[in-house]
Amino acid sequence: MTLYDELVARGLIAQVTDEPQIKDLINNGKATFYIGFDPTADSLHVGHFMAMILMKRLQQGGNKPIALMGGGTAMIGDPSGRTDMRKMMTVETIDHNVECFKKQMSRFIEFGEGKARIVNNADWLRNLNFLDFMRDIGSYFSVNDMLRARAYVNRMERGLSFLEFSYMLMQSYDFLRLYEDYGCNMEFGGDDQWSNMLGGTELIRKKLGKDAYAMTIALLLKHDGTKMGKTAGGAVWLDPDKTSPYDFYQYWRNVDDQDVCGFLRKMTFLPLEQIDEMDKWQGEQLNEAKKILAHELTSMVHGEDEARKAESAAISVFTTGSSENMPEAEITDADFRDGSIDIVGVLVAAKLAGSRNEARRAVEQGGVTVNGDKITDIHTTYSSDDFSKDFVLRKGKKKFCKVVLDK
């Protein structure tokens, strides 16, 4: 099986501009490709992770990846997949986020001479002269064609700013610069980026008379078509301080039965033959498949030791009630009022509830326990001494942690 055929079999490819040429480039290690990452937060999330896994697969096949940091494009904000305008970020925030991305990426991709490289489009976008750019680049774009792009059509009814409208020109210019500066002949991105990516290939063709190619990655979706990678508390982050290794493990451990093999194909390096066998599994065997998925992904993101700790913690809590290796949540003296903290405050401080109202409902509905004892009174309070020993807090069946006092 060729590398391209494997990508298809794993369900990773959505759309391509010229399949025969792309097959030839990828299968023969002749692709210098880029994937863009706009630093809209200080951590990568699971959607980015799937893109990095694709980069790693292609790099192993001899192709050369470029991770493009959107230090320039993030100052505008991509309207793709949005119903409203993104919040404007300061340059300082963007630059901080870029550095966070770089550190995380180095865990998954080999950077260095002759390997992958990291480039920041702030280097050419932030100092552009508007008139020169419009004359040199804007003249190649048809507003009529742009308005038909899916990224813009979805926003027209609610309003689309000119700032966001210019995003396609910025991304297309990125591809042109990477083509000229690094010989980049291919762009990969999420399927919602298709229009922007075509803009880049067309700009290169019209301005340079050269061919460049684009391929979109299938978005990370559940079987019902909804996006994967979100929880009630927000995105599933790769930063352990934002999503703990245990919570990351549990997220994948609890995927729907119908999704597990699809995620194993897209996001792990397990052989396809092994996953095809798992497709036949039913009942308790599917739980084993989920454990494999959770372990593989947690190990890749956080390391083998953290994956084993997360697995051990889940087994300990659900079978013996032990707090060994259980994820911890810290509370501080600032969380106490007059020397005590109520159960509602503990739930919020431990981030098992997003608000006091949510915490109150959980208690009143009988879904909260402390050290195995159900708490039904929202006025139940605790002193600092209560946290000097095990204080195992559980909300519902799957959310729990050991609460400790940070002194």
Foldseek 3Di string as FASTA:
>chain_A
DFLVVLCVVLQWFDDKDDVVVVSVCQRQLNAEEEEEDELPDLFAFVQVLLVLLVVLSSQVNNHEYEYEYALPLNQLDALQPHQDGDDGDDSVRRVNSSVSHVVQSVLRAPDDVSHYYYHYLCVPRVPDDVVVLCVQQVVLDDPVLLCPQPSNVSHVVVDDDVSNSCSLSSLLVVLVVCCVPPVRQEYEEAPSCVVSRVSNQSSCCVNVVDGGMYIYTYACAAPVGHHPQADPVGGHGLPCVVPNLLNQLVSLLPHDLVCLLSCCSSNAPPDPVVSVVLVPDDDPSSSVSSLVSSLRVSCSRPNNVSSVLSVVCVCCCVPPNDQRSFAEFEDEPVLDDPQKHWQLSVCCSSVVDVDSVRSLVQLCVQFKDWSPHTHNDRRHMDGLVVQVDWTWIGGHDPDIGTYHYDD
